[in-house]
Amino acid sequence: MIQIPSAWQGLELIIEDILDRFQIGRDSCIEFGVEFGFSAVVFSNYFKNVKGVDTFSGDVHTSHKGDHYTQTKHSLASFENIKLYKSDYKDWIKQDVQQYDFAHVDIVHNYKETYECGLWAVQHSKCCIFHDTESFSEVRKAVFDIAKKTGKTGYNYPYHHGLGIIV
């Protein structure tokens, strides 16, 4: 773990349970919305390879504004299985055709963006989680709309700002 403040704190305690319960492989994970890397480090404990995709510039819902790619890259340098990519999800999903064991979506907390990124992530992973389903009703709505569209099962874990799970 890394010692940084994060709205994700507490969720690190359930990731292994999710992976075990749904029999998710441990090779590859993609994360959209790295910010300062708390969740990426959590995933690095369970996956051989973690890709973190973010603009590293904050958004309307974050308190930090401005480019923090270099700071995050430096903080995560000792985690050799994490690779960071400075990219908007829109550009990323146009070119990535890989399938992943696990995906995490924690981007701008609007319906449109969460749905668009999340649909791609669900279609390219065995299990996808979404942070902030309790903090942002638009995120929760997108999660259950994606589950319905894809015919997969959606769950909501209501603690630590909420975690949507589609498997």
N, C-alpha and C. Protein backbone atom coordinates (compact mmCIF):
# COMPACT_ATOMS: atom_id res chain seq x y z
N MET A 1 0.85 -1.19 0.00
CA MET A 1 0.00 0.00 0.00
C MET A 1 0.88 1.24 0.00
N ILE A 2 0.28 2.33 -0.43
CA ILE A 2 0.94 3.62 -0.31
C ILE A 2 0.11 4.49 0.63
N GLN A 3 0.78 5.34 1.33
CA GLN A 3 0.12 6.18 2.33
C GLN A 3 -0.26 7.52 1.71
N ILE A 4 -1.41 7.55 1.05
CA ILE A 4 -1.95 8.79 0.51
C ILE A 4 -3.44 8.83 0.83
N PRO A 5 -4.00 10.00 1.04
CA PRO A 5 -5.43 10.07 1.27
C PRO A 5 -6.18 9.66 0.00
N SER A 6 -7.26 8.91 0.17
CA SER A 6 -8.03 8.47 -0.98
C SER A 6 -9.46 8.14 -0.56
N ALA A 7 -10.40 8.51 -1.41
CA ALA A 7 -11.80 8.13 -1.18
C ALA A 7 -11.98 6.63 -1.35
N TRP A 8 -10.98 5.96 -1.86
CA TRP A 8 -11.00 4.52 -2.10
C TRP A 8 -10.67 3.72 -0.84
N GLN A 9 -10.16 4.38 0.19
CA GLN A 9 -9.73 3.66 1.40
C GLN A 9 -10.88 2.86 2.00
N GLY A 10 -10.58 1.61 2.32
CA GLY A 10 -11.56 0.67 2.84
C GLY A 10 -11.91 -0.38 1.81
N LEU A 11 -11.92 0.00 0.55
CA LEU A 11 -12.26 -0.96 -0.51
C LEU A 11 -11.15 -1.98 -0.76
N GLU A 12 -9.94 -1.65 -0.37
CA GLU A 12 -8.83 -2.60 -0.53
C GLU A 12 -9.11 -3.90 0.22
N LEU A 13 -9.98 -3.83 1.21
CA LEU A 13 -10.27 -5.00 2.04
C LEU A 13 -11.20 -6.01 1.36
N ILE A 14 -11.86 -5.63 0.26
CA ILE A 14 -12.81 -6.55 -0.37
C ILE A 14 -12.38 -7.04 -1.76
N ILE A 15 -11.29 -6.52 -2.29
CA ILE A 15 -10.90 -6.89 -3.66
C ILE A 15 -10.61 -8.39 -3.78
N GLU A 16 -9.87 -8.95 -2.86
CA GLU A 16 -9.58 -10.38 -2.93
C GLU A 16 -10.86 -11.21 -2.85
N ASP A 17 -11.80 -10.78 -2.02
CA ASP A 17 -13.09 -11.49 -1.92
C ASP A 17 -13.83 -11.48 -3.25
N ILE A 18 -13.82 -10.34 -3.94
CA ILE A 18 -14.47 -10.25 -5.25
C ILE A 18 -13.79 -11.20 -6.24
N LEU A 19 -12.47 -11.17 -6.27
CA LEU A 19 -11.72 -12.02 -7.20
C LEU A 19 -11.99 -13.49 -6.93
N ASP A 20 -11.99 -13.87 -5.66
CA ASP A 20 -12.24 -15.27 -5.29
C ASP A 20 -13.68 -15.68 -5.58
N ARG A 21 -14.62 -14.86 -5.18
CA ARG A 21 -16.04 -15.21 -5.34
C ARG A 21 -16.41 -15.44 -6.80
N PHE A 22 -15.87 -14.60 -7.68
CA PHE A 22 -16.24 -14.69 -9.09
C PHE A 22 -15.18 -15.41 -9.94
N GLN A 23 -14.20 -16.00 -9.26
CA GLN A 23 -13.15 -16.79 -9.91
C GLN A 23 -12.48 -16.01 -11.04
N ILE A 24 -11.99 -14.84 -10.70
CA ILE A 24 -11.34 -13.96 -11.67
C ILE A 24 -9.85 -14.27 -11.71
N GLY A 25 -9.31 -14.39 -12.91
CA GLY A 25 -7.88 -14.62 -13.09
C GLY A 25 -7.06 -13.47 -12.54
N ARG A 26 -5.78 -13.69 -12.42
CA ARG A 26 -4.91 -12.70 -11.77
C ARG A 26 -3.81 -12.18 -12.71
N ASP A 27 -4.06 -12.25 -14.01
CA ASP A 27 -3.03 -11.79 -14.95
C ASP A 27 -3.09 -10.29 -15.22
N SER A 28 -4.27 -9.80 -15.63
CA SER A 28 -4.31 -8.43 -16.15
C SER A 28 -5.46 -7.61 -15.59
N CYS A 29 -5.16 -6.35 -15.34
CA CYS A 29 -6.12 -5.39 -14.82
C CYS A 29 -5.93 -4.06 -15.55
N ILE A 30 -7.03 -3.43 -15.91
CA ILE A 30 -6.96 -2.08 -16.45
C ILE A 30 -7.78 -1.16 -15.56
N GLU A 31 -7.23 0.01 -15.32
CA GLU A 31 -7.90 0.98 -14.46
C GLU A 31 -8.04 2.29 -15.22
N PHE A 32 -9.25 2.81 -15.28
CA PHE A 32 -9.51 4.13 -15.83
C PHE A 32 -9.79 5.06 -14.66
N GLY A 33 -8.90 6.02 -14.46
CA GLY A 33 -9.03 6.95 -13.34
C GLY A 33 -8.08 6.58 -12.22
N VAL A 34 -6.81 6.84 -12.42
CA VAL A 34 -5.76 6.47 -11.47
C VAL A 34 -5.61 7.51 -10.36
N GLU A 35 -5.76 8.76 -10.71
CA GLU A 35 -5.48 9.91 -9.87
C GLU A 35 -4.10 9.77 -9.24
N PHE A 36 -3.98 9.54 -7.93
CA PHE A 36 -2.66 9.45 -7.30
C PHE A 36 -2.21 8.02 -7.05
N GLY A 37 -3.00 7.03 -7.46
CA GLY A 37 -2.53 5.65 -7.48
C GLY A 37 -2.92 4.73 -6.35
N PHE A 38 -3.76 5.17 -5.44
CA PHE A 38 -4.12 4.31 -4.31
C PHE A 38 -4.69 2.98 -4.79
N SER A 39 -5.71 3.02 -5.63
CA SER A 39 -6.34 1.79 -6.10
C SER A 39 -5.43 0.99 -7.03
N ALA A 40 -4.61 1.66 -7.82
CA ALA A 40 -3.67 0.95 -8.69
C ALA A 40 -2.72 0.09 -7.86
N VAL A 41 -2.27 0.61 -6.74
CA VAL A 41 -1.39 -0.15 -5.85
C VAL A 41 -2.15 -1.33 -5.25
N VAL A 42 -3.40 -1.13 -4.88
CA VAL A 42 -4.21 -2.24 -4.39
C VAL A 42 -4.23 -3.35 -5.43
N PHE A 43 -4.54 -3.00 -6.67
CA PHE A 43 -4.61 -4.00 -7.74
C PHE A 43 -3.27 -4.66 -8.01
N SER A 44 -2.18 -3.93 -7.81
CA SER A 44 -0.85 -4.51 -8.06
C SER A 44 -0.53 -5.67 -7.13
N ASN A 45 -1.25 -5.76 -6.02
CA ASN A 45 -1.08 -6.88 -5.09
C ASN A 45 -1.72 -8.16 -5.60
N TYR A 46 -2.61 -8.04 -6.58
CA TYR A 46 -3.38 -9.20 -7.04
C TYR A 46 -3.16 -9.56 -8.50
N PHE A 47 -2.64 -8.64 -9.31
CA PHE A 47 -2.49 -8.88 -10.74
C PHE A 47 -1.04 -8.77 -11.18
N LYS A 48 -0.67 -9.61 -12.14
CA LYS A 48 0.69 -9.57 -12.69
C LYS A 48 0.94 -8.24 -13.39
N ASN A 49 -0.08 -7.75 -14.10
CA ASN A 49 0.07 -6.50 -14.86
C ASN A 49 -1.13 -5.59 -14.62
N VAL A 50 -0.84 -4.35 -14.28
CA VAL A 50 -1.88 -3.34 -14.07
C VAL A 50 -1.58 -2.17 -15.01
N LYS A 51 -2.55 -1.83 -15.85
CA LYS A 51 -2.47 -0.65 -16.71
C LYS A 51 -3.33 0.42 -16.09
N GLY A 52 -2.76 1.59 -15.89
CA GLY A 52 -3.50 2.72 -15.36
C GLY A 52 -3.63 3.81 -16.41
N VAL A 53 -4.85 4.13 -16.78
CA VAL A 53 -5.12 5.13 -17.81
C VAL A 53 -5.81 6.33 -17.17
N ASP A 54 -5.25 7.50 -17.37
CA ASP A 54 -5.80 8.71 -16.77
C ASP A 54 -5.24 9.92 -17.53
N THR A 55 -5.97 11.01 -17.49
CA THR A 55 -5.44 12.27 -18.05
C THR A 55 -4.50 12.93 -17.05
N PHE A 56 -4.59 12.52 -15.79
CA PHE A 56 -3.77 13.06 -14.69
C PHE A 56 -3.90 14.58 -14.59
N SER A 57 -5.11 15.07 -14.82
CA SER A 57 -5.33 16.51 -14.73
C SER A 57 -6.53 16.88 -13.86
N GLY A 58 -7.10 15.89 -13.18
CA GLY A 58 -8.26 16.16 -12.35
C GLY A 58 -9.50 16.37 -13.20
N ASP A 59 -10.61 16.59 -12.55
CA ASP A 59 -11.86 16.87 -13.26
C ASP A 59 -12.76 17.70 -12.36
N VAL A 60 -13.96 17.94 -12.81
CA VAL A 60 -14.88 18.80 -12.08
C VAL A 60 -15.18 18.28 -10.67
N HIS A 61 -15.07 16.97 -10.45
CA HIS A 61 -15.41 16.39 -9.15
C HIS A 61 -14.20 16.17 -8.23
N THR A 62 -13.00 16.49 -8.68
CA THR A 62 -11.83 16.29 -7.83
C THR A 62 -11.36 17.63 -7.28
N SER A 63 -10.71 17.56 -6.14
CA SER A 63 -10.21 18.80 -5.55
C SER A 63 -8.87 19.20 -6.16
N HIS A 64 -8.13 18.23 -6.70
CA HIS A 64 -6.83 18.53 -7.30
C HIS A 64 -7.00 18.85 -8.77
N LYS A 65 -6.50 19.98 -9.19
CA LYS A 65 -6.53 20.38 -10.59
C LYS A 65 -5.09 20.53 -11.06
N GLY A 66 -4.84 20.30 -12.30
CA GLY A 66 -3.50 20.44 -12.84
C GLY A 66 -2.83 19.10 -13.04
N ASP A 67 -1.81 19.08 -13.85
CA ASP A 67 -1.11 17.86 -14.25
C ASP A 67 -0.35 17.25 -13.06
N HIS A 68 -0.69 16.01 -12.71
CA HIS A 68 0.02 15.32 -11.64
C HIS A 68 0.56 13.96 -12.10
N TYR A 69 0.76 13.81 -13.41
CA TYR A 69 1.30 12.57 -13.96
C TYR A 69 2.68 12.26 -13.37
N THR A 70 3.58 13.23 -13.39
CA THR A 70 4.95 13.00 -12.92
C THR A 70 4.95 12.63 -11.43
N GLN A 71 4.14 13.30 -10.64
CA GLN A 71 4.04 13.00 -9.22
C GLN A 71 3.54 11.57 -9.00
N THR A 72 2.49 11.19 -9.72
CA THR A 72 1.93 9.84 -9.57
C THR A 72 2.92 8.79 -10.05
N LYS A 73 3.55 9.04 -11.18
CA LYS A 73 4.53 8.09 -11.72
C LYS A 73 5.67 7.89 -10.71
N HIS A 74 6.14 8.95 -10.11
CA HIS A 74 7.20 8.87 -9.10
C HIS A 74 6.73 8.07 -7.88
N SER A 75 5.52 8.33 -7.41
CA SER A 75 4.98 7.63 -6.24
C SER A 75 4.83 6.13 -6.46
N LEU A 76 4.58 5.74 -7.72
CA LEU A 76 4.33 4.33 -8.04
C LEU A 76 5.55 3.63 -8.64
N ALA A 77 6.67 4.30 -8.70
CA ALA A 77 7.87 3.76 -9.37
C ALA A 77 8.31 2.41 -8.82
N SER A 78 8.13 2.15 -7.55
CA SER A 78 8.60 0.88 -6.98
C SER A 78 7.64 -0.28 -7.27
N PHE A 79 6.48 0.01 -7.82
CA PHE A 79 5.52 -1.04 -8.17
C PHE A 79 5.71 -1.38 -9.64
N GLU A 80 6.61 -2.32 -9.90
CA GLU A 80 7.05 -2.59 -11.27
C GLU A 80 5.96 -3.18 -12.16
N ASN A 81 4.91 -3.70 -11.59
CA ASN A 81 3.84 -4.28 -12.41
C ASN A 81 2.74 -3.27 -12.76
N ILE A 82 2.93 -2.00 -12.40
CA ILE A 82 1.98 -0.94 -12.77
C ILE A 82 2.60 -0.12 -13.89
N LYS A 83 1.86 0.01 -14.98
CA LYS A 83 2.28 0.87 -16.09
C LYS A 83 1.22 1.95 -16.26
N LEU A 84 1.66 3.21 -16.22
CA LEU A 84 0.75 4.34 -16.35
C LEU A 84 0.75 4.87 -17.77
N TYR A 85 -0.44 5.28 -18.21
CA TYR A 85 -0.61 5.84 -19.54
C TYR A 85 -1.40 7.14 -19.41
N LYS A 86 -0.80 8.20 -19.90
CA LYS A 86 -1.47 9.51 -19.86
C LYS A 86 -2.33 9.60 -21.12
N SER A 87 -3.62 9.33 -20.92
CA SER A 87 -4.55 9.28 -22.05
C SER A 87 -5.97 9.48 -21.54
N ASP A 88 -6.79 10.05 -22.38
CA ASP A 88 -8.21 10.12 -22.13
C ASP A 88 -8.80 8.75 -22.46
N TYR A 89 -9.79 8.31 -21.70
CA TYR A 89 -10.38 6.99 -21.97
C TYR A 89 -10.92 6.92 -23.40
N LYS A 90 -11.43 8.04 -23.92
CA LYS A 90 -12.02 8.04 -25.26
C LYS A 90 -10.99 7.64 -26.32
N ASP A 91 -9.78 8.14 -26.18
CA ASP A 91 -8.72 7.78 -27.12
C ASP A 91 -8.26 6.34 -26.87
N TRP A 92 -8.18 5.95 -25.61
CA TRP A 92 -7.70 4.62 -25.26
C TRP A 92 -8.59 3.52 -25.83
N ILE A 93 -9.90 3.66 -25.63
CA ILE A 93 -10.80 2.57 -26.02
C ILE A 93 -10.93 2.43 -27.54
N LYS A 94 -10.51 3.43 -28.28
CA LYS A 94 -10.53 3.33 -29.75
C LYS A 94 -9.47 2.37 -30.26
N GLN A 95 -8.38 2.23 -29.51
CA GLN A 95 -7.25 1.45 -30.02
C GLN A 95 -6.96 0.16 -29.26
N ASP A 96 -7.50 -0.02 -28.08
CA ASP A 96 -7.19 -1.20 -27.26
C ASP A 96 -8.22 -2.30 -27.52
N VAL A 97 -7.75 -3.43 -28.02
CA VAL A 97 -8.64 -4.57 -28.28
C VAL A 97 -8.39 -5.72 -27.31
N GLN A 98 -7.51 -5.51 -26.35
CA GLN A 98 -7.14 -6.56 -25.39
C GLN A 98 -8.31 -6.91 -24.47
N GLN A 99 -8.31 -8.15 -24.02
CA GLN A 99 -9.23 -8.61 -22.99
C GLN A 99 -8.47 -8.64 -21.66
N TYR A 100 -9.12 -8.25 -20.59
CA TYR A 100 -8.51 -8.17 -19.27
C TYR A 100 -9.28 -9.08 -18.30
N ASP A 101 -8.61 -9.51 -17.25
CA ASP A 101 -9.30 -10.24 -16.20
C ASP A 101 -10.21 -9.31 -15.41
N PHE A 102 -9.77 -8.07 -15.23
CA PHE A 102 -10.44 -7.17 -14.30
C PHE A 102 -10.30 -5.75 -14.80
N ALA A 103 -11.34 -4.94 -14.57
CA ALA A 103 -11.30 -3.52 -14.93
C ALA A 103 -11.89 -2.69 -13.80
N HIS A 104 -11.41 -1.46 -13.71
CA HIS A 104 -11.91 -0.52 -12.71
C HIS A 104 -12.17 0.82 -13.40
N VAL A 105 -13.35 1.38 -13.17
CA VAL A 105 -13.72 2.67 -13.75
C VAL A 105 -13.99 3.64 -12.61
N ASP A 106 -13.22 4.72 -12.57
CA ASP A 106 -13.38 5.76 -11.55
C ASP A 106 -12.99 7.10 -12.19
N ILE A 107 -13.74 7.44 -13.23
CA ILE A 107 -13.46 8.67 -13.98
C ILE A 107 -14.46 9.74 -13.58
N VAL A 108 -14.56 10.78 -14.38
CA VAL A 108 -15.54 11.84 -14.10
C VAL A 108 -16.89 11.18 -13.85
N HIS A 109 -17.58 11.60 -12.83
CA HIS A 109 -18.74 10.87 -12.32
C HIS A 109 -20.06 11.29 -12.97
N ASN A 110 -20.03 11.40 -14.27
CA ASN A 110 -21.23 11.71 -15.05
C ASN A 110 -21.72 10.44 -15.73
N TYR A 111 -23.00 10.42 -16.06
CA TYR A 111 -23.59 9.23 -16.68
C TYR A 111 -22.93 8.91 -18.01
N LYS A 112 -22.87 9.87 -18.92
CA LYS A 112 -22.40 9.62 -20.28
C LYS A 112 -21.00 9.01 -20.30
N GLU A 113 -20.08 9.63 -19.61
CA GLU A 113 -18.70 9.16 -19.60
C GLU A 113 -18.56 7.82 -18.89
N THR A 114 -19.24 7.69 -17.75
CA THR A 114 -19.18 6.42 -17.02
C THR A 114 -19.76 5.30 -17.87
N TYR A 115 -20.87 5.56 -18.54
CA TYR A 115 -21.50 4.54 -19.37
C TYR A 115 -20.59 4.16 -20.54
N GLU A 116 -20.07 5.15 -21.23
CA GLU A 116 -19.24 4.89 -22.41
C GLU A 116 -17.96 4.11 -22.05
N CYS A 117 -17.24 4.59 -21.07
CA CYS A 117 -16.02 3.91 -20.63
C CYS A 117 -16.36 2.57 -20.00
N GLY A 118 -17.39 2.55 -19.18
CA GLY A 118 -17.78 1.33 -18.48
C GLY A 118 -18.27 0.24 -19.40
N LEU A 119 -19.01 0.59 -20.43
CA LEU A 119 -19.48 -0.42 -21.38
C LEU A 119 -18.29 -1.09 -22.06
N TRP A 120 -17.32 -0.28 -22.49
CA TRP A 120 -16.11 -0.84 -23.10
C TRP A 120 -15.41 -1.75 -22.08
N ALA A 121 -15.26 -1.28 -20.85
CA ALA A 121 -14.54 -2.05 -19.83
C ALA A 121 -15.24 -3.37 -19.53
N VAL A 122 -16.56 -3.36 -19.45
CA VAL A 122 -17.31 -4.60 -19.20
C VAL A 122 -17.16 -5.56 -20.38
N GLN A 123 -17.15 -5.03 -21.58
CA GLN A 123 -17.00 -5.88 -22.77
C GLN A 123 -15.59 -6.41 -22.94
N HIS A 124 -14.63 -5.82 -22.24
CA HIS A 124 -13.23 -6.22 -22.37
C HIS A 124 -12.65 -6.80 -21.08
N SER A 125 -13.52 -7.23 -20.16
CA SER A 125 -13.03 -7.84 -18.92
C SER A 125 -14.04 -8.86 -18.41
N LYS A 126 -13.55 -9.73 -17.53
CA LYS A 126 -14.43 -10.72 -16.90
C LYS A 126 -15.22 -10.10 -15.76
N CYS A 127 -14.64 -9.09 -15.12
CA CYS A 127 -15.28 -8.40 -14.00
C CYS A 127 -14.87 -6.94 -14.05
N CYS A 128 -15.84 -6.06 -13.86
CA CYS A 128 -15.55 -4.62 -13.86
C CYS A 128 -16.18 -4.00 -12.62
N ILE A 129 -15.42 -3.14 -11.96
CA ILE A 129 -15.94 -2.43 -10.80
C ILE A 129 -15.95 -0.93 -11.07
N PHE A 130 -16.85 -0.24 -10.40
CA PHE A 130 -17.04 1.20 -10.57
C PHE A 130 -17.10 1.84 -9.19
N HIS A 131 -16.23 2.81 -8.95
CA HIS A 131 -16.25 3.48 -7.65
C HIS A 131 -17.27 4.62 -7.65
N ASP A 132 -17.81 4.92 -6.48
CA ASP A 132 -18.68 6.07 -6.21
C ASP A 132 -20.13 5.87 -6.60
N THR A 133 -20.64 4.66 -6.51
CA THR A 133 -22.06 4.42 -6.80
C THR A 133 -22.97 5.01 -5.73
N GLU A 134 -22.47 5.23 -4.54
CA GLU A 134 -23.27 5.84 -3.48
C GLU A 134 -23.12 7.36 -3.48
N SER A 135 -22.00 7.85 -3.95
CA SER A 135 -21.75 9.29 -3.96
C SER A 135 -22.38 9.99 -5.15
N PHE A 136 -22.52 9.27 -6.26
CA PHE A 136 -23.02 9.85 -7.50
C PHE A 136 -24.08 8.93 -8.10
N SER A 137 -25.32 9.37 -8.08
CA SER A 137 -26.41 8.53 -8.60
C SER A 137 -26.24 8.23 -10.09
N GLU A 138 -25.59 9.13 -10.82
CA GLU A 138 -25.35 8.90 -12.25
C GLU A 138 -24.42 7.70 -12.47
N VAL A 139 -23.47 7.50 -11.59
CA VAL A 139 -22.57 6.35 -11.69
C VAL A 139 -23.36 5.07 -11.44
N ARG A 140 -24.16 5.07 -10.40
CA ARG A 140 -24.97 3.88 -10.09
C ARG A 140 -25.92 3.55 -11.24
N LYS A 141 -26.58 4.56 -11.80
CA LYS A 141 -27.48 4.34 -12.92
C LYS A 141 -26.73 3.74 -14.11
N ALA A 142 -25.56 4.28 -14.42
CA ALA A 142 -24.77 3.76 -15.54
C ALA A 142 -24.40 2.30 -15.30
N VAL A 143 -24.02 1.95 -14.08
CA VAL A 143 -23.63 0.57 -13.76
C VAL A 143 -24.78 -0.39 -14.06
N PHE A 144 -25.95 -0.08 -13.57
CA PHE A 144 -27.07 -1.01 -13.77
C PHE A 144 -27.59 -1.00 -15.21
N ASP A 145 -27.46 0.13 -15.90
CA ASP A 145 -27.82 0.16 -17.32
C ASP A 145 -26.84 -0.68 -18.15
N ILE A 146 -25.56 -0.63 -17.82
CA ILE A 146 -24.56 -1.45 -18.52
C ILE A 146 -24.81 -2.93 -18.24
N ALA A 147 -25.07 -3.28 -17.00
CA ALA A 147 -25.35 -4.68 -16.67
C ALA A 147 -26.54 -5.19 -17.47
N LYS A 148 -27.59 -4.39 -17.54
CA LYS A 148 -28.78 -4.79 -18.30
C LYS A 148 -28.45 -4.95 -19.78
N LYS A 149 -27.75 -3.99 -20.35
CA LYS A 149 -27.42 -4.03 -21.78
C LYS A 149 -26.57 -5.25 -22.13
N THR A 150 -25.63 -5.59 -21.25
CA THR A 150 -24.69 -6.68 -21.55
C THR A 150 -25.19 -8.04 -21.09
N GLY A 151 -26.29 -8.08 -20.35
CA GLY A 151 -26.80 -9.35 -19.84
C GLY A 151 -25.98 -9.91 -18.70
N LYS A 152 -25.15 -9.07 -18.09
CA LYS A 152 -24.35 -9.50 -16.95
C LYS A 152 -25.05 -9.10 -15.66
N THR A 153 -24.52 -9.57 -14.55
CA THR A 153 -25.12 -9.27 -13.25
C THR A 153 -24.42 -8.08 -12.62
N GLY A 154 -25.23 -7.15 -12.10
CA GLY A 154 -24.70 -5.99 -11.42
C GLY A 154 -24.98 -6.05 -9.93
N TYR A 155 -24.01 -5.65 -9.14
CA TYR A 155 -24.14 -5.59 -7.69
C TYR A 155 -23.72 -4.20 -7.23
N ASN A 156 -24.20 -3.80 -6.07
CA ASN A 156 -23.75 -2.56 -5.46
C ASN A 156 -23.30 -2.84 -4.03
N TYR A 157 -22.05 -2.55 -3.75
CA TYR A 157 -21.49 -2.62 -2.41
C TYR A 157 -21.60 -1.20 -1.84
N PRO A 158 -22.40 -0.97 -0.81
CA PRO A 158 -22.75 0.40 -0.42
C PRO A 158 -21.75 1.14 0.47
N TYR A 159 -20.65 0.54 0.81
CA TYR A 159 -19.71 1.16 1.74
C TYR A 159 -18.59 1.89 1.00
N HIS A 160 -17.93 2.82 1.70
CA HIS A 160 -16.77 3.54 1.16
C HIS A 160 -17.11 4.23 -0.16
N HIS A 161 -18.22 4.92 -0.18
CA HIS A 161 -18.71 5.68 -1.33
C HIS A 161 -19.36 4.83 -2.39
N GLY A 162 -19.42 3.54 -2.17
CA GLY A 162 -20.11 2.62 -3.09
C GLY A 162 -19.21 2.05 -4.16
N LEU A 163 -19.45 0.78 -4.45
CA LEU A 163 -18.69 0.09 -5.49
C LEU A 163 -19.65 -0.75 -6.31
N GLY A 164 -19.81 -0.39 -7.56
CA GLY A 164 -20.61 -1.20 -8.47
C GLY A 164 -19.75 -2.33 -8.99
N ILE A 165 -20.34 -3.51 -9.13
CA ILE A 165 -19.61 -4.68 -9.61
C ILE A 165 -20.44 -5.30 -10.71
N ILE A 166 -19.83 -5.48 -11.87
CA ILE A 166 -20.51 -6.16 -12.98
C ILE A 166 -19.69 -7.37 -13.35
N VAL A 167 -20.35 -8.52 -13.34
CA VAL A 167 -19.67 -9.79 -13.65
C VAL A 167 -20.61 -10.67 -14.45
